Amino acid sequence: MSLSIRELRNQTGLTQQAFADLFGIPVSTLRKWEQGESSPPKYVIRLLTRALPQNNQILQKIQGESGSIFFYNKEKHSVIDQKGNEILIQEELEGVKPSNLILYLEDLFDDFYQIQSKFNRDCRFDKQESIIWRR
């Protein structure tokens, strides 16, 4: 029995937007598939099934007790959060204690969102003001 596209996405713990971004699917198409307005071709389901972390040697699912879910892409040396944000890392994760790893990933993405927020705020401010910053 094959899984529905919604069941496949739910296995990842990703939002529709993050799942769509991760696999390059327009989110509107994913929504139509999940709501039964249209159906993905069977080969798409097979490809997605193979790409899921539990069926994939490249993406490793890392889940914390609090429900945090991240994916480690061994080939790209990157980590991905549930929103689909991907951060390149230099350090190999093999051998890092699992209970510590989840804390490190939560901190990494917390910092990412703080920096992203600051960047967005600075860009909005820049559009409104005529200030030129110098280094």
N, C-alpha and C. Protein backbone atom coordinates (compact mmCIF):
# COMPACT_ATOMS: atom_id res chain seq x y z
N MET A 1 0.84 -1.18 0.00
CA MET A 1 0.00 0.00 0.00
C MET A 1 0.89 1.25 0.00
N SER A 2 0.61 2.18 -0.89
CA SER A 2 1.42 3.39 -0.93
C SER A 2 0.79 4.46 -0.04
N LEU A 3 1.64 5.31 0.47
CA LEU A 3 1.19 6.38 1.36
C LEU A 3 0.70 7.56 0.53
N SER A 4 -0.19 8.35 1.13
CA SER A 4 -0.62 9.58 0.47
C SER A 4 0.47 10.62 0.63
N ILE A 5 0.38 11.65 -0.18
CA ILE A 5 1.36 12.73 -0.10
C ILE A 5 1.32 13.40 1.28
N ARG A 6 0.14 13.53 1.87
CA ARG A 6 0.02 14.12 3.21
C ARG A 6 0.71 13.22 4.24
N GLU A 7 0.52 11.90 4.13
CA GLU A 7 1.17 10.98 5.07
C GLU A 7 2.68 11.06 4.93
N LEU A 8 3.16 11.18 3.70
CA LEU A 8 4.61 11.31 3.50
C LEU A 8 5.13 12.59 4.14
N ARG A 9 4.42 13.70 3.93
CA ARG A 9 4.85 14.97 4.53
C ARG A 9 4.79 14.89 6.04
N ASN A 10 3.73 14.30 6.58
CA ASN A 10 3.60 14.18 8.04
C ASN A 10 4.73 13.37 8.65
N GLN A 11 5.26 12.40 7.91
CA GLN A 11 6.40 11.63 8.40
C GLN A 11 7.61 12.50 8.65
N THR A 12 7.74 13.56 7.86
CA THR A 12 8.89 14.44 8.01
C THR A 12 8.72 15.44 9.13
N GLY A 13 7.46 15.74 9.49
CA GLY A 13 7.22 16.77 10.49
C GLY A 13 7.33 18.17 9.91
N LEU A 14 7.48 18.29 8.59
CA LEU A 14 7.64 19.59 7.95
C LEU A 14 6.28 20.23 7.66
N THR A 15 6.26 21.54 7.63
CA THR A 15 5.08 22.27 7.19
C THR A 15 4.93 22.07 5.69
N GLN A 16 3.77 22.43 5.15
CA GLN A 16 3.58 22.33 3.71
C GLN A 16 4.63 23.17 2.97
N GLN A 17 4.84 24.39 3.44
CA GLN A 17 5.79 25.28 2.77
C GLN A 17 7.20 24.69 2.81
N ALA A 18 7.61 24.20 3.97
CA ALA A 18 8.96 23.65 4.10
C ALA A 18 9.13 22.40 3.25
N PHE A 19 8.12 21.53 3.23
CA PHE A 19 8.18 20.32 2.43
C PHE A 19 8.27 20.68 0.95
N ALA A 20 7.44 21.63 0.54
CA ALA A 20 7.44 22.07 -0.86
C ALA A 20 8.80 22.66 -1.23
N ASP A 21 9.35 23.49 -0.37
CA ASP A 21 10.65 24.10 -0.63
C ASP A 21 11.76 23.05 -0.70
N LEU A 22 11.72 22.10 0.23
CA LEU A 22 12.75 21.08 0.29
C LEU A 22 12.80 20.24 -0.98
N PHE A 23 11.62 19.94 -1.54
CA PHE A 23 11.57 19.07 -2.70
C PHE A 23 11.30 19.80 -4.02
N GLY A 24 11.24 21.14 -3.97
CA GLY A 24 11.05 21.91 -5.20
C GLY A 24 9.67 21.76 -5.81
N ILE A 25 8.67 21.59 -4.96
CA ILE A 25 7.28 21.45 -5.41
C ILE A 25 6.58 22.78 -5.14
N PRO A 26 5.85 23.33 -6.10
CA PRO A 26 5.07 24.53 -5.77
C PRO A 26 4.10 24.21 -4.63
N VAL A 27 4.06 25.09 -3.64
CA VAL A 27 3.21 24.82 -2.47
C VAL A 27 1.75 24.71 -2.87
N SER A 28 1.32 25.45 -3.88
CA SER A 28 -0.07 25.34 -4.33
C SER A 28 -0.36 23.94 -4.88
N THR A 29 0.62 23.35 -5.56
CA THR A 29 0.47 21.99 -6.07
C THR A 29 0.38 21.00 -4.92
N LEU A 30 1.25 21.16 -3.94
CA LEU A 30 1.23 20.27 -2.77
C LEU A 30 -0.12 20.36 -2.06
N ARG A 31 -0.64 21.56 -1.89
CA ARG A 31 -1.95 21.73 -1.23
C ARG A 31 -3.04 21.01 -2.01
N LYS A 32 -3.03 21.15 -3.33
CA LYS A 32 -4.04 20.48 -4.16
C LYS A 32 -3.92 18.96 -4.01
N TRP A 33 -2.70 18.45 -3.96
CA TRP A 33 -2.51 17.01 -3.78
C TRP A 33 -3.06 16.58 -2.43
N GLU A 34 -2.74 17.34 -1.38
CA GLU A 34 -3.17 16.95 -0.04
C GLU A 34 -4.68 17.08 0.14
N GLN A 35 -5.30 18.03 -0.53
CA GLN A 35 -6.74 18.23 -0.40
C GLN A 35 -7.54 17.37 -1.37
N GLY A 36 -6.85 16.58 -2.19
CA GLY A 36 -7.53 15.69 -3.11
C GLY A 36 -8.07 16.36 -4.37
N GLU A 37 -7.68 17.61 -4.62
CA GLU A 37 -8.13 18.30 -5.82
C GLU A 37 -7.45 17.75 -7.06
N SER A 38 -6.25 17.23 -6.87
CA SER A 38 -5.52 16.56 -7.94
C SER A 38 -4.61 15.53 -7.27
N SER A 39 -4.01 14.68 -8.07
CA SER A 39 -3.14 13.63 -7.52
C SER A 39 -1.77 13.71 -8.17
N PRO A 40 -0.73 13.49 -7.36
CA PRO A 40 0.61 13.45 -7.95
C PRO A 40 0.77 12.17 -8.76
N PRO A 41 1.59 12.21 -9.79
CA PRO A 41 1.88 10.97 -10.50
C PRO A 41 2.50 9.95 -9.55
N LYS A 42 2.27 8.68 -9.80
CA LYS A 42 2.79 7.64 -8.91
C LYS A 42 4.30 7.69 -8.78
N TYR A 43 4.99 8.05 -9.87
CA TYR A 43 6.45 8.11 -9.80
C TYR A 43 6.91 9.20 -8.82
N VAL A 44 6.14 10.28 -8.68
CA VAL A 44 6.49 11.33 -7.75
C VAL A 44 6.42 10.80 -6.31
N ILE A 45 5.38 10.06 -6.01
CA ILE A 45 5.26 9.44 -4.68
C ILE A 45 6.45 8.53 -4.42
N ARG A 46 6.83 7.72 -5.40
CA ARG A 46 7.98 6.82 -5.22
C ARG A 46 9.27 7.60 -4.99
N LEU A 47 9.47 8.67 -5.76
CA LEU A 47 10.68 9.48 -5.60
C LEU A 47 10.72 10.15 -4.23
N LEU A 48 9.58 10.69 -3.81
CA LEU A 48 9.53 11.34 -2.50
C LEU A 48 9.75 10.34 -1.38
N THR A 49 9.18 9.16 -1.52
CA THR A 49 9.36 8.12 -0.50
C THR A 49 10.83 7.78 -0.34
N ARG A 50 11.54 7.68 -1.46
CA ARG A 50 12.98 7.37 -1.41
C ARG A 50 13.79 8.52 -0.81
N ALA A 51 13.29 9.74 -0.96
CA ALA A 51 14.02 10.91 -0.49
C ALA A 51 13.79 11.23 0.98
N LEU A 52 12.79 10.59 1.58
CA LEU A 52 12.51 10.87 2.99
C LEU A 52 13.65 10.41 3.88
N PRO A 53 13.89 11.13 4.97
CA PRO A 53 15.02 10.81 5.83
C PRO A 53 15.09 9.36 6.29
N GLN A 54 13.96 8.77 6.64
CA GLN A 54 14.02 7.40 7.15
C GLN A 54 14.33 6.39 6.04
N ASN A 55 14.20 6.82 4.76
CA ASN A 55 14.50 5.94 3.63
C ASN A 55 15.72 6.42 2.86
N ASN A 56 16.50 7.28 3.45
CA ASN A 56 17.54 7.96 2.71
C ASN A 56 18.83 7.94 3.50
N GLN A 57 19.92 7.65 2.80
CA GLN A 57 21.22 7.64 3.46
C GLN A 57 21.83 9.04 3.51
N ILE A 58 21.25 9.98 2.78
CA ILE A 58 21.79 11.33 2.73
C ILE A 58 21.19 12.19 3.84
N LEU A 59 19.86 12.18 3.98
CA LEU A 59 19.21 12.98 5.00
C LEU A 59 18.99 12.16 6.27
N GLN A 60 19.50 12.66 7.36
CA GLN A 60 19.32 11.99 8.64
C GLN A 60 18.38 12.84 9.50
N LYS A 61 17.30 12.25 9.95
CA LYS A 61 16.34 12.96 10.80
C LYS A 61 16.88 13.01 12.22
N ILE A 62 16.85 14.19 12.82
CA ILE A 62 17.29 14.38 14.19
C ILE A 62 16.12 15.00 14.94
N GLN A 63 15.61 14.26 15.92
CA GLN A 63 14.42 14.72 16.64
C GLN A 63 14.70 14.79 18.13
N GLY A 64 14.30 15.91 18.71
CA GLY A 64 14.47 16.10 20.14
C GLY A 64 13.24 15.69 20.92
N GLU A 65 13.39 15.54 22.22
CA GLU A 65 12.27 15.16 23.08
C GLU A 65 11.18 16.22 23.08
N SER A 66 11.56 17.47 22.82
CA SER A 66 10.59 18.57 22.82
C SER A 66 9.79 18.63 21.52
N GLY A 67 10.14 17.78 20.56
CA GLY A 67 9.43 17.77 19.28
C GLY A 67 10.18 18.48 18.17
N SER A 68 11.32 19.10 18.50
CA SER A 68 12.12 19.74 17.46
C SER A 68 12.61 18.68 16.48
N ILE A 69 12.52 19.02 15.19
CA ILE A 69 12.97 18.11 14.15
C ILE A 69 13.91 18.85 13.21
N PHE A 70 15.04 18.24 12.94
CA PHE A 70 16.01 18.77 12.01
C PHE A 70 16.45 17.63 11.09
N PHE A 71 17.02 18.00 9.97
CA PHE A 71 17.56 17.02 9.04
C PHE A 71 19.00 17.38 8.75
N TYR A 72 19.85 16.38 8.77
CA TYR A 72 21.27 16.55 8.47
C TYR A 72 21.52 15.97 7.09
N ASN A 73 21.98 16.82 6.17
CA ASN A 73 22.33 16.37 4.83
C ASN A 73 23.82 16.12 4.81
N LYS A 74 24.20 14.85 4.85
CA LYS A 74 25.61 14.48 4.94
C LYS A 74 26.39 14.92 3.72
N GLU A 75 25.78 14.83 2.55
CA GLU A 75 26.49 15.18 1.31
C GLU A 75 26.75 16.68 1.20
N LYS A 76 25.78 17.48 1.59
CA LYS A 76 25.91 18.93 1.46
C LYS A 76 26.50 19.59 2.71
N HIS A 77 26.71 18.80 3.76
CA HIS A 77 27.18 19.34 5.04
C HIS A 77 26.28 20.49 5.49
N SER A 78 24.99 20.17 5.58
CA SER A 78 24.02 21.19 5.98
C SER A 78 22.98 20.59 6.91
N VAL A 79 22.30 21.47 7.63
CA VAL A 79 21.19 21.07 8.47
C VAL A 79 19.97 21.88 8.03
N ILE A 80 18.80 21.26 8.14
CA ILE A 80 17.55 21.85 7.70
C ILE A 80 16.57 21.78 8.86
N ASP A 81 15.84 22.87 9.07
CA ASP A 81 14.84 22.86 10.14
C ASP A 81 13.46 22.55 9.56
N GLN A 82 12.44 22.53 10.41
CA GLN A 82 11.09 22.17 9.99
C GLN A 82 10.47 23.20 9.05
N LYS A 83 11.03 24.38 8.99
CA LYS A 83 10.52 25.40 8.08
C LYS A 83 11.19 25.34 6.72
N GLY A 84 12.18 24.44 6.60
CA GLY A 84 12.88 24.30 5.33
C GLY A 84 14.12 25.16 5.20
N ASN A 85 14.48 25.88 6.27
CA ASN A 85 15.70 26.69 6.23
C ASN A 85 16.91 25.78 6.33
N GLU A 86 17.88 26.03 5.48
CA GLU A 86 19.07 25.20 5.41
C GLU A 86 20.29 26.03 5.75
N ILE A 87 21.13 25.50 6.63
CA ILE A 87 22.36 26.18 7.05
C ILE A 87 23.52 25.23 6.78
N LEU A 88 24.52 25.75 6.07
CA LEU A 88 25.73 24.96 5.83
C LEU A 88 26.55 24.90 7.11
N ILE A 89 27.12 23.74 7.37
CA ILE A 89 27.96 23.58 8.55
C ILE A 89 29.28 22.98 8.12
N GLN A 90 30.30 23.18 8.91
CA GLN A 90 31.63 22.65 8.57
C GLN A 90 31.94 21.37 9.35
N GLU A 91 31.39 21.25 10.50
CA GLU A 91 31.71 20.13 11.39
C GLU A 91 30.87 18.90 11.06
N GLU A 92 31.51 17.74 11.03
CA GLU A 92 30.78 16.48 10.90
C GLU A 92 29.99 16.24 12.18
N LEU A 93 28.78 15.72 12.05
CA LEU A 93 27.95 15.51 13.23
C LEU A 93 28.07 14.11 13.83
N GLU A 94 28.68 13.21 13.09
CA GLU A 94 28.85 11.86 13.60
C GLU A 94 29.70 11.88 14.86
N GLY A 95 29.22 11.24 15.91
CA GLY A 95 29.94 11.18 17.17
C GLY A 95 29.49 12.23 18.19
N VAL A 96 28.72 13.21 17.75
CA VAL A 96 28.20 14.21 18.70
C VAL A 96 27.08 13.54 19.49
N LYS A 97 27.10 13.71 20.79
CA LYS A 97 26.08 13.10 21.64
C LYS A 97 24.69 13.60 21.22
N PRO A 98 23.74 12.69 20.97
CA PRO A 98 22.41 13.09 20.49
C PRO A 98 21.71 14.12 21.36
N SER A 99 21.81 13.99 22.67
CA SER A 99 21.13 14.94 23.56
C SER A 99 21.75 16.33 23.45
N ASN A 100 23.05 16.39 23.19
CA ASN A 100 23.71 17.68 23.00
C ASN A 100 23.44 18.22 21.60
N LEU A 101 23.43 17.35 20.61
CA LEU A 101 23.25 17.77 19.23
C LEU A 101 21.95 18.54 19.03
N ILE A 102 20.89 18.06 19.62
CA ILE A 102 19.60 18.74 19.46
C ILE A 102 19.67 20.15 20.06
N LEU A 103 20.37 20.30 21.18
CA LEU A 103 20.54 21.62 21.79
C LEU A 103 21.36 22.54 20.89
N TYR A 104 22.43 21.99 20.30
CA TYR A 104 23.26 22.79 19.40
C TYR A 104 22.46 23.25 18.19
N LEU A 105 21.64 22.36 17.66
CA LEU A 105 20.83 22.71 16.48
C LEU A 105 19.77 23.75 16.83
N GLU A 106 19.14 23.59 17.99
CA GLU A 106 18.15 24.58 18.41
C GLU A 106 18.80 25.95 18.58
N ASP A 107 19.99 25.99 19.18
CA ASP A 107 20.72 27.25 19.33
C ASP A 107 21.10 27.83 17.97
N LEU A 108 21.57 26.99 17.07
CA LEU A 108 21.97 27.44 15.74
C LEU A 108 20.81 28.12 15.02
N PHE A 109 19.65 27.48 15.04
CA PHE A 109 18.51 28.04 14.33
C PHE A 109 17.90 29.23 15.09
N ASP A 110 17.96 29.23 16.43
CA ASP A 110 17.53 30.42 17.18
C ASP A 110 18.38 31.62 16.76
N ASP A 111 19.70 31.43 16.70
CA ASP A 111 20.60 32.51 16.27
C ASP A 111 20.32 32.92 14.82
N PHE A 112 20.07 31.94 13.97
CA PHE A 112 19.75 32.22 12.57
C PHE A 112 18.52 33.13 12.48
N TYR A 113 17.46 32.81 13.22
CA TYR A 113 16.24 33.61 13.16
C TYR A 113 16.46 35.00 13.74
N GLN A 114 17.31 35.12 14.76
CA GLN A 114 17.60 36.45 15.30
C GLN A 114 18.36 37.30 14.28
N ILE A 115 19.35 36.71 13.63
CA ILE A 115 20.13 37.42 12.62
C ILE A 115 19.24 37.77 11.42
N GLN A 116 18.40 36.83 11.02
CA GLN A 116 17.49 37.07 9.91
C GLN A 116 16.54 38.22 10.23
N SER A 117 16.03 38.25 11.44
CA SER A 117 15.14 39.31 11.87
C SER A 117 15.85 40.66 11.84
N LYS A 118 17.07 40.70 12.33
CA LYS A 118 17.86 41.93 12.32
C LYS A 118 18.11 42.38 10.88
N PHE A 119 18.47 41.47 10.03
CA PHE A 119 18.70 41.78 8.62
C PHE A 119 17.45 42.39 7.99
N ASN A 120 16.31 41.75 8.21
CA ASN A 120 15.05 42.25 7.65
C ASN A 120 14.71 43.64 8.20
N ARG A 121 14.92 43.82 9.50
CA ARG A 121 14.65 45.11 10.13
C ARG A 121 15.56 46.18 9.54
N ASP A 122 16.86 45.87 9.37
CA ASP A 122 17.80 46.82 8.79
C ASP A 122 17.41 47.19 7.36
N CYS A 123 16.99 46.22 6.59
CA CYS A 123 16.59 46.48 5.20
C CYS A 123 15.34 47.36 5.15
N ARG A 124 14.37 47.09 6.02
CA ARG A 124 13.17 47.93 6.08
C ARG A 124 13.54 49.36 6.46
N PHE A 125 14.41 49.51 7.46
CA PHE A 125 14.86 50.83 7.91
C PHE A 125 15.57 51.55 6.78
N ASP A 126 16.44 50.84 6.07
CA ASP A 126 17.22 51.43 4.99
C ASP A 126 16.31 51.97 3.88
N LYS A 127 15.22 51.28 3.62
CA LYS A 127 14.28 51.74 2.58
C LYS A 127 13.59 53.04 2.98
N GLN A 128 13.50 53.29 4.28
CA GLN A 128 12.79 54.47 4.77
C GLN A 128 13.71 55.66 5.03
N GLU A 129 14.98 55.42 5.23
CA GLU A 129 15.92 56.48 5.61
C GLU A 129 16.97 56.68 4.52
N SER A 130 17.62 57.81 4.55
CA SER A 130 18.65 58.11 3.55
C SER A 130 20.04 58.07 4.20
N ILE A 131 20.29 57.04 4.96
CA ILE A 131 21.56 56.88 5.67
C ILE A 131 22.48 55.98 4.84
N ILE A 132 23.74 56.37 4.76
CA ILE A 132 24.75 55.53 4.11
C ILE A 132 25.73 55.10 5.21
N TRP A 133 25.84 53.81 5.43
CA TRP A 133 26.71 53.28 6.48
C TRP A 133 28.14 53.16 5.92
N ARG A 134 29.10 53.40 6.73
CA ARG A 134 30.53 53.28 6.36
C ARG A 134 31.19 52.32 7.33
N ARG A 135 32.13 51.59 6.84
CA ARG A 135 32.93 50.70 7.70
C ARG A 135 34.19 51.37 8.09
